[in-house]
Amino acid sequence: MLRLSVLTLFSSLALAAINIVVNPNPPLVVQSVTDAVTGADMTGLRFSATYLFPGNIPTTFGGVWAPTGAASGASGSLPGPVLSLSGDSSASLAWVYSSQILSLLQSITLDGSAAGILFDRSLPNPGTPGSGPGADIAFGPLFQGGADAIVVTYSGAVSLNGNPPVNDLYSKLTIDFSALPLGGLIPQGFAFTQDSDLGVLTPEPPSSLFLLATFALGYLVRNSTGAKG
């Protein structure tokens, strides 16, 4: 079990020190974007948290987001990791992480690619049509120093109707604490701000195999009907 020193308790995280990385891949194409999103609108968002267990063994727990109220939602359950959101996704410190796991937190990942959940950065502003103003991630106090070692990665640039991405919307967000002095974030709950949007996903085109099967079925039906005549 980790013990917190007085020095650690009074060391907090400054947003300016966080490293932000952008990875445009894999891209995601959407048909439309909606800016007003609450915790109840996040159904299908995939959340996972990785901890450093004794013996330096990385262990990941994950879950899928579900509504918990008219404007709230969450993923996970105690004693494992829980991420929850009540009200508007852009509200200050609306996202809340909690866990009773007494091991270092190495990273958390939010993947909205399968559900059209999009993370809206501050620039350019307003950016993609329909997205509205965005905001880069911002944290409440974290009781550990070394904030300059925290890396936040936005990946999966979003394209509206096949147009080039404006680079304000991304479908995946990863917060990496593994470079902190102890190899992860000491056990604690925390809150953060991250504006989010909803996108209507563009349907995947039928595969060539599906088209071939459809053609073959049609051919058989036509020939079977002709044989009866």
C-alpha atoms as a PDB file:
ATOM      1  CA  MET A   1       0.000   0.000   0.000  1.00  0.00           C
ATOM      2  CA  LEU A   2       1.353   3.422  -0.943  1.00  0.00           C
ATOM      3  CA  ARG A   3       1.716   6.140   1.679  1.00  0.00           C
ATOM      4  CA  LEU A   4       1.492   9.828   0.802  1.00  0.00           C
ATOM      5  CA  SER A   5       4.116  12.211   2.127  1.00  0.00           C
ATOM      6  CA  VAL A   6       3.284  15.755   3.216  1.00  0.00           C
ATOM      7  CA  LEU A   7       5.242  17.034   0.224  1.00  0.00           C
ATOM      8  CA  THR A   8       3.238  14.842  -2.148  1.00  0.00           C
ATOM      9  CA  LEU A   9      -0.081  15.927  -0.672  1.00  0.00           C
ATOM     10  CA  PHE A  10       0.672  19.569  -1.328  1.00  0.00           C
ATOM     11  CA  SER A  11       1.936  19.059  -4.852  1.00  0.00           C
ATOM     12  CA  SER A  12      -0.757  19.736  -7.472  1.00  0.00           C
ATOM     13  CA  LEU A  13      -1.083  19.543 -11.215  1.00  0.00           C
ATOM     14  CA  ALA A  14      -0.904  22.645 -13.410  1.00  0.00           C
ATOM     15  CA  LEU A  15      -2.649  22.337 -16.757  1.00  0.00           C
ATOM     16  CA  ALA A  16       0.093  24.222 -18.616  1.00  0.00           C
ATOM     17  CA  ALA A  17       2.599  21.467 -17.828  1.00  0.00           C
ATOM     18  CA  ILE A  18       0.634  18.634 -19.474  1.00  0.00           C
ATOM     19  CA  ASN A  19       2.015  17.269 -22.747  1.00  0.00           C
ATOM     20  CA  ILE A  20      -0.585  16.993 -25.521  1.00  0.00           C
ATOM     21  CA  VAL A  21       0.084  14.700 -28.470  1.00  0.00           C
ATOM     22  CA  VAL A  22      -2.061  14.343 -31.602  1.00  0.00           C
ATOM     23  CA  ASN A  23      -2.258  11.189 -33.722  1.00  0.00           C
ATOM     24  CA  PRO A  24      -4.700  11.506 -36.667  1.00  0.00           C
ATOM     25  CA  ASN A  25      -4.970   7.718 -37.142  1.00  0.00           C
ATOM     26  CA  PRO A  26      -7.169   5.787 -37.450  1.00  0.00           C
ATOM     27  CA  PRO A  27      -9.464   8.381 -39.081  1.00  0.00           C
ATOM     28  CA  LEU A  28     -13.227   8.334 -38.490  1.00  0.00           C
ATOM     29  CA  VAL A  29     -15.846   9.581 -40.989  1.00  0.00           C
ATOM     30  CA  VAL A  30     -19.152  10.990 -39.701  1.00  0.00           C
ATOM     31  CA  GLN A  31     -22.250  12.365 -41.433  1.00  0.00           C
ATOM     32  CA  SER A  32     -23.075  15.074 -38.887  1.00  0.00           C
ATOM     33  CA  VAL A  33     -21.926  16.481 -35.545  1.00  0.00           C
ATOM     34  CA  THR A  34     -23.959  17.614 -32.517  1.00  0.00           C
ATOM     35  CA  ASP A  35     -22.407  19.860 -29.885  1.00  0.00           C
ATOM     36  CA  ALA A  36     -24.861  19.604 -26.946  1.00  0.00           C
ATOM     37  CA  VAL A  37     -23.966  16.344 -25.165  1.00  0.00           C
ATOM     38  CA  THR A  38     -24.657  15.121 -21.618  1.00  0.00           C
ATOM     39  CA  GLY A  39     -23.545  12.076 -19.674  1.00  0.00           C
ATOM     40  CA  ALA A  40     -26.665  10.214 -20.808  1.00  0.00           C
ATOM     41  CA  ASP A  41     -25.645  10.570 -24.473  1.00  0.00           C
ATOM     42  CA  MET A  42     -22.388   8.629 -24.184  1.00  0.00           C
ATOM     43  CA  THR A  43     -23.828   5.117 -24.638  1.00  0.00           C
ATOM     44  CA  GLY A  44     -21.245   2.842 -26.223  1.00  0.00           C
ATOM     45  CA  LEU A  45     -18.174   4.818 -25.128  1.00  0.00           C
ATOM     46  CA  ARG A  46     -15.434   2.348 -24.180  1.00  0.00           C
ATOM     47  CA  PHE A  47     -13.502   3.161 -20.998  1.00  0.00           C
ATOM     48  CA  SER A  48     -10.445   1.324 -19.706  1.00  0.00           C
ATOM     49  CA  ALA A  49      -7.888   1.872 -16.969  1.00  0.00           C
ATOM     50  CA  THR A  50      -4.476   0.200 -16.644  1.00  0.00           C
ATOM     51  CA  TYR A  51      -2.759  -0.239 -13.278  1.00  0.00           C
ATOM     52  CA  LEU A  52       0.719  -1.357 -12.289  1.00  0.00           C
ATOM     53  CA  PHE A  53       0.142  -4.320  -9.974  1.00  0.00           C
ATOM     54  CA  PRO A  54       2.822  -5.734  -7.608  1.00  0.00           C
ATOM     55  CA  GLY A  55       5.615  -7.356  -9.585  1.00  0.00           C
ATOM     56  CA  ASN A  56       5.354  -4.589 -12.216  1.00  0.00           C
ATOM     57  CA  ILE A  57       2.439  -6.365 -13.886  1.00  0.00           C
ATOM     58  CA  PRO A  58       0.225  -4.023 -15.980  1.00  0.00           C
ATOM     59  CA  THR A  59      -3.444  -4.971 -15.496  1.00  0.00           C
ATOM     60  CA  THR A  60      -6.334  -3.408 -17.434  1.00  0.00           C
ATOM     61  CA  PHE A  61      -9.980  -3.108 -16.427  1.00  0.00           C
ATOM     62  CA  GLY A  62     -12.584  -1.926 -18.912  1.00  0.00           C
ATOM     63  CA  GLY A  63     -16.252  -1.268 -19.434  1.00  0.00           C
ATOM     64  CA  VAL A  64     -18.834   0.263 -21.768  1.00  0.00           C
ATOM     65  CA  TRP A  65     -20.666   3.472 -20.928  1.00  0.00           C
ATOM     66  CA  ALA A  66     -24.378   3.413 -20.068  1.00  0.00           C
ATOM     67  CA  PRO A  67     -26.861   6.100 -18.917  1.00  0.00           C
ATOM     68  CA  THR A  68     -27.484   6.407 -15.183  1.00  0.00           C
ATOM     69  CA  GLY A  69     -30.044   9.230 -15.291  1.00  0.00           C
ATOM     70  CA  ALA A  70     -31.689  11.820 -17.509  1.00  0.00           C
ATOM     71  CA  ALA A  71     -28.387  13.650 -18.040  1.00  0.00           C
ATOM     72  CA  SER A  72     -25.807  11.355 -16.470  1.00  0.00           C
ATOM     73  CA  GLY A  73     -23.886   8.211 -17.319  1.00  0.00           C
ATOM     74  CA  ALA A  74     -20.970   6.062 -16.215  1.00  0.00           C
ATOM     75  CA  SER A  75     -18.749   3.113 -17.023  1.00  0.00           C
ATOM     76  CA  GLY A  76     -17.399   0.601 -14.534  1.00  0.00           C
ATOM     77  CA  SER A  77     -18.233  -0.176 -10.917  1.00  0.00           C
ATOM     78  CA  LEU A  78     -16.446  -0.045  -7.573  1.00  0.00           C
ATOM     79  CA  PRO A  79     -14.096  -1.349  -6.277  1.00  0.00           C
ATOM     80  CA  GLY A  80     -12.715  -1.200  -9.818  1.00  0.00           C
ATOM     81  CA  PRO A  81     -12.312   1.973 -11.883  1.00  0.00           C
ATOM     82  CA  VAL A  82     -15.379   4.145 -12.534  1.00  0.00           C
ATOM     83  CA  LEU A  83     -15.678   7.083 -14.899  1.00  0.00           C
ATOM     84  CA  SER A  84     -18.858   9.142 -14.583  1.00  0.00           C
ATOM     85  CA  LEU A  85     -20.311  12.311 -16.065  1.00  0.00           C
ATOM     86  CA  SER A  86     -23.319  14.324 -14.909  1.00  0.00           C
ATOM     87  CA  GLY A  87     -24.801  17.106 -17.006  1.00  0.00           C
ATOM     88  CA  ASP A  88     -23.098  18.853 -19.929  1.00  0.00           C
ATOM     89  CA  SER A  89     -19.870  17.177 -21.075  1.00  0.00           C
ATOM     90  CA  SER A  90     -18.200  20.580 -21.468  1.00  0.00           C
ATOM     91  CA  ALA A  91     -18.919  21.710 -17.897  1.00  0.00           C
ATOM     92  CA  SER A  92     -15.912  22.384 -15.695  1.00  0.00           C
ATOM     93  CA  LEU A  93     -14.593  19.185 -14.039  1.00  0.00           C
ATOM     94  CA  ALA A  94     -17.727  17.274 -15.092  1.00  0.00           C
ATOM     95  CA  TRP A  95     -15.855  14.010 -15.696  1.00  0.00           C
ATOM     96  CA  VAL A  96     -15.097  12.141 -12.456  1.00  0.00           C
ATOM     97  CA  TYR A  97     -12.721   9.186 -12.041  1.00  0.00           C
ATOM     98  CA  SER A  98     -12.804   7.001  -8.939  1.00  0.00           C
ATOM     99  CA  SER A  99     -11.360   3.633  -7.940  1.00  0.00           C
ATOM    100  CA  GLN A 100     -10.602   1.629  -4.818  1.00  0.00           C
ATOM    101  CA  ILE A 101      -7.643  -0.157  -6.442  1.00  0.00           C
ATOM    102  CA  LEU A 102      -4.540   0.627  -4.382  1.00  0.00           C
ATOM    103  CA  SER A 103      -2.046   0.402  -7.234  1.00  0.00           C
ATOM    104  CA  LEU A 104      -0.434   2.993  -9.455  1.00  0.00           C
ATOM    105  CA  LEU A 105      -2.686   4.148 -12.321  1.00  0.00           C
ATOM    106  CA  GLN A 106      -0.680   4.015 -15.546  1.00  0.00           C
ATOM    107  CA  SER A 107      -3.289   5.215 -18.030  1.00  0.00           C
ATOM    108  CA  ILE A 108      -6.955   5.647 -18.843  1.00  0.00           C
ATOM    109  CA  THR A 109      -8.425   5.460 -22.334  1.00  0.00           C
ATOM    110  CA  LEU A 110     -11.754   6.710 -23.690  1.00  0.00           C
ATOM    111  CA  ASP A 111     -12.606   5.247 -27.105  1.00  0.00           C
ATOM    112  CA  GLY A 112     -15.705   6.630 -28.812  1.00  0.00           C
ATOM    113  CA  SER A 113     -14.988   5.363 -32.331  1.00  0.00           C
ATOM    114  CA  ALA A 114     -17.685   2.666 -32.319  1.00  0.00           C
ATOM    115  CA  ALA A 115     -20.360   4.943 -30.865  1.00  0.00           C
ATOM    116  CA  GLY A 116     -19.675   8.316 -32.498  1.00  0.00           C
ATOM    117  CA  ILE A 117     -18.439   9.929 -29.270  1.00  0.00           C
ATOM    118  CA  LEU A 118     -16.005  12.689 -30.222  1.00  0.00           C
ATOM    119  CA  PHE A 119     -13.549  14.718 -28.145  1.00  0.00           C
ATOM    120  CA  ASP A 120     -13.515  18.394 -29.143  1.00  0.00           C
ATOM    121  CA  ARG A 121     -10.221  20.269 -28.802  1.00  0.00           C
ATOM    122  CA  SER A 122      -9.911  24.028 -28.423  1.00  0.00           C
ATOM    123  CA  LEU A 123      -8.312  24.780 -31.807  1.00  0.00           C
ATOM    124  CA  PRO A 124      -9.419  25.565 -34.388  1.00  0.00           C
ATOM    125  CA  ASN A 125     -12.512  27.141 -32.914  1.00  0.00           C
ATOM    126  CA  PRO A 126     -15.345  26.486 -33.738  1.00  0.00           C
ATOM    127  CA  GLY A 127     -13.787  24.011 -36.177  1.00  0.00           C
ATOM    128  CA  THR A 128     -15.876  21.229 -37.727  1.00  0.00           C
ATOM    129  CA  PRO A 129     -19.422  22.435 -38.596  1.00  0.00           C
ATOM    130  CA  GLY A 130     -21.796  21.511 -35.786  1.00  0.00           C
ATOM    131  CA  SER A 131     -19.053  20.990 -33.215  1.00  0.00           C
ATOM    132  CA  GLY A 132     -19.181  24.408 -31.555  1.00  0.00           C
ATOM    133  CA  PRO A 133     -16.348  25.716 -29.369  1.00  0.00           C
ATOM    134  CA  GLY A 134     -14.117  23.019 -27.930  1.00  0.00           C
ATOM    135  CA  ALA A 135     -11.593  22.828 -25.107  1.00  0.00           C
ATOM    136  CA  ASP A 136      -8.458  20.824 -24.452  1.00  0.00           C
ATOM    137  CA  ILE A 137      -8.494  18.585 -21.406  1.00  0.00           C
ATOM    138  CA  ALA A 138      -8.056  20.285 -18.030  1.00  0.00           C
ATOM    139  CA  PHE A 139      -7.612  18.555 -14.664  1.00  0.00           C
ATOM    140  CA  GLY A 140      -8.558  19.344 -11.124  1.00  0.00           C
ATOM    141  CA  PRO A 141      -5.816  18.962  -8.471  1.00  0.00           C
ATOM    142  CA  LEU A 142      -3.797  15.741  -8.554  1.00  0.00           C
ATOM    143  CA  PHE A 143      -1.809  14.933  -5.425  1.00  0.00           C
ATOM    144  CA  GLN A 144       1.446  14.144  -7.163  1.00  0.00           C
ATOM    145  CA  GLY A 145       4.198  16.181  -8.755  1.00  0.00           C
ATOM    146  CA  GLY A 146       5.821  15.721 -12.150  1.00  0.00           C
ATOM    147  CA  ALA A 147       2.908  16.995 -14.224  1.00  0.00           C
ATOM    148  CA  ASP A 148       5.242  17.602 -17.148  1.00  0.00           C
ATOM    149  CA  ALA A 149       5.527  13.803 -17.489  1.00  0.00           C
ATOM    150  CA  ILE A 150       1.768  13.322 -18.080  1.00  0.00           C
ATOM    151  CA  VAL A 151       0.951  12.756 -21.746  1.00  0.00           C
ATOM    152  CA  VAL A 152      -2.542  13.228 -23.191  1.00  0.00           C
ATOM    153  CA  THR A 153      -3.002  11.812 -26.692  1.00  0.00           C
ATOM    154  CA  TYR A 154      -5.910  12.628 -29.016  1.00  0.00           C
ATOM    155  CA  SER A 155      -6.161  10.082 -31.841  1.00  0.00           C
ATOM    156  CA  GLY A 156      -8.560   9.181 -34.640  1.00  0.00           C
ATOM    157  CA  ALA A 157      -9.098  12.498 -36.453  1.00  0.00           C
ATOM    158  CA  VAL A 158     -12.718  13.029 -37.495  1.00  0.00           C
ATOM    159  CA  SER A 159     -13.744  13.772 -41.072  1.00  0.00           C
ATOM    160  CA  LEU A 160     -17.169  15.268 -41.817  1.00  0.00           C
ATOM    161  CA  ASN A 161     -18.653  13.632 -44.939  1.00  0.00           C
ATOM    162  CA  GLY A 162     -15.239  12.704 -46.308  1.00  0.00           C
ATOM    163  CA  ASN A 163     -13.821  16.223 -46.117  1.00  0.00           C
ATOM    164  CA  PRO A 164     -10.285  16.636 -44.750  1.00  0.00           C
ATOM    165  CA  PRO A 165     -10.302  16.670 -40.912  1.00  0.00           C
ATOM    166  CA  VAL A 166     -10.174  20.139 -39.358  1.00  0.00           C
ATOM    167  CA  ASN A 167      -8.162  18.570 -36.505  1.00  0.00           C
ATOM    168  CA  ASP A 168     -10.453  19.694 -33.711  1.00  0.00           C
ATOM    169  CA  LEU A 169     -12.390  16.424 -33.266  1.00  0.00           C
ATOM    170  CA  TYR A 170     -10.926  13.046 -32.287  1.00  0.00           C
ATOM    171  CA  SER A 171     -12.540   9.720 -31.439  1.00  0.00           C
ATOM    172  CA  LYS A 172     -10.048   8.492 -28.841  1.00  0.00           C
ATOM    173  CA  LEU A 173      -8.457  10.047 -25.771  1.00  0.00           C
ATOM    174  CA  THR A 174      -5.621   8.503 -23.750  1.00  0.00           C
ATOM    175  CA  ILE A 175      -4.181   9.902 -20.528  1.00  0.00           C
ATOM    176  CA  ASP A 176      -0.788   8.357 -19.772  1.00  0.00           C
ATOM    177  CA  PHE A 177       0.687   8.632 -16.260  1.00  0.00           C
ATOM    178  CA  SER A 178       3.389   5.989 -16.714  1.00  0.00           C
ATOM    179  CA  ALA A 179       6.279   8.492 -16.934  1.00  0.00           C
ATOM    180  CA  LEU A 180       5.534   9.972 -13.498  1.00  0.00           C
ATOM    181  CA  PRO A 181       8.343   9.421 -10.944  1.00  0.00           C
ATOM    182  CA  LEU A 182       6.733   6.323  -9.394  1.00  0.00           C
ATOM    183  CA  GLY A 183       5.693   4.835 -12.755  1.00  0.00           C
ATOM    184  CA  GLY A 184       2.055   5.887 -12.439  1.00  0.00           C
ATOM    185  CA  LEU A 185      -0.418   8.063 -10.564  1.00  0.00           C
ATOM    186  CA  ILE A 186      -0.816   7.317  -6.852  1.00  0.00           C
ATOM    187  CA  PRO A 187      -4.293   6.025  -5.870  1.00  0.00           C
ATOM    188  CA  GLN A 188      -6.767   8.913  -5.808  1.00  0.00           C
ATOM    189  CA  GLY A 189      -9.950  10.172  -7.390  1.00  0.00           C
ATOM    190  CA  PHE A 190      -9.845  13.167  -9.692  1.00  0.00           C
ATOM    191  CA  ALA A 191     -11.983  15.214 -12.064  1.00  0.00           C
ATOM    192  CA  PHE A 192     -11.317  16.715 -15.461  1.00  0.00           C
ATOM    193  CA  THR A 193     -12.927  18.867 -18.127  1.00  0.00           C
ATOM    194  CA  GLN A 194     -13.242  17.601 -21.700  1.00  0.00           C
ATOM    195  CA  ASP A 195     -15.734  18.951 -24.216  1.00  0.00           C
ATOM    196  CA  SER A 196     -17.376  16.142 -26.207  1.00  0.00           C
ATOM    197  CA  ASP A 197     -19.649  15.935 -29.239  1.00  0.00           C
ATOM    198  CA  LEU A 198     -21.795  13.298 -30.934  1.00  0.00           C
ATOM    199  CA  GLY A 199     -21.271  12.182 -34.504  1.00  0.00           C
ATOM    200  CA  VAL A 200     -23.536  10.128 -36.762  1.00  0.00           C
ATOM    201  CA  LEU A 201     -21.253   7.464 -38.186  1.00  0.00           C
ATOM    202  CA  THR A 202     -21.026   6.931 -41.929  1.00  0.00           C
ATOM    203  CA  PRO A 203     -22.154   3.377 -42.804  1.00  0.00           C
ATOM    204  CA  GLU A 204     -19.460   1.056 -44.066  1.00  0.00           C
ATOM    205  CA  PRO A 205     -19.806   0.250 -47.792  1.00  0.00           C
ATOM    206  CA  PRO A 206     -20.800  -3.354 -48.580  1.00  0.00           C
ATOM    207  CA  SER A 207     -17.785  -5.589 -49.001  1.00  0.00           C
ATOM    208  CA  SER A 208     -16.951  -7.131 -52.359  1.00  0.00           C
ATOM    209  CA  LEU A 209     -17.628 -10.555 -50.856  1.00  0.00           C
ATOM    210  CA  PHE A 210     -21.148  -9.500 -49.889  1.00  0.00           C
ATOM    211  CA  LEU A 211     -21.763  -8.123 -53.390  1.00  0.00           C
ATOM    212  CA  LEU A 212     -20.466 -11.327 -54.957  1.00  0.00           C
ATOM    213  CA  ALA A 213     -22.759 -13.446 -52.759  1.00  0.00           C
ATOM    214  CA  THR A 214     -25.744 -11.253 -53.639  1.00  0.00           C
ATOM    215  CA  PHE A 215     -25.002 -11.567 -57.350  1.00  0.00           C
ATOM    216  CA  ALA A 216     -24.617 -15.344 -57.081  1.00  0.00           C
ATOM    217  CA  LEU A 217     -27.905 -15.675 -55.187  1.00  0.00           C
ATOM    218  CA  GLY A 218     -29.711 -13.588 -57.785  1.00  0.00           C
ATOM    219  CA  TYR A 219     -28.235 -15.693 -60.582  1.00  0.00           C
ATOM    220  CA  LEU A 220     -29.388 -18.930 -58.927  1.00  0.00           C
ATOM    221  CA  VAL A 221     -32.894 -17.584 -58.355  1.00  0.00           C
ATOM    222  CA  ARG A 222     -33.240 -16.429 -61.946  1.00  0.00           C
ATOM    223  CA  ASN A 223     -32.008 -19.726 -63.350  1.00  0.00           C
ATOM    224  CA  SER A 224     -34.190 -21.745 -60.987  1.00  0.00           C
ATOM    225  CA  THR A 225     -37.252 -19.781 -62.081  1.00  0.00           C
ATOM    226  CA  GLY A 226     -36.346 -20.240 -65.754  1.00  0.00           C
ATOM    227  CA  ALA A 227     -35.959 -23.991 -65.319  1.00  0.00           C
ATOM    228  CA  LYS A 228     -39.480 -24.289 -63.944  1.00  0.00           C
ATOM    229  CA  GLY A 229     -40.851 -22.487 -66.976  1.00  0.00           C
END
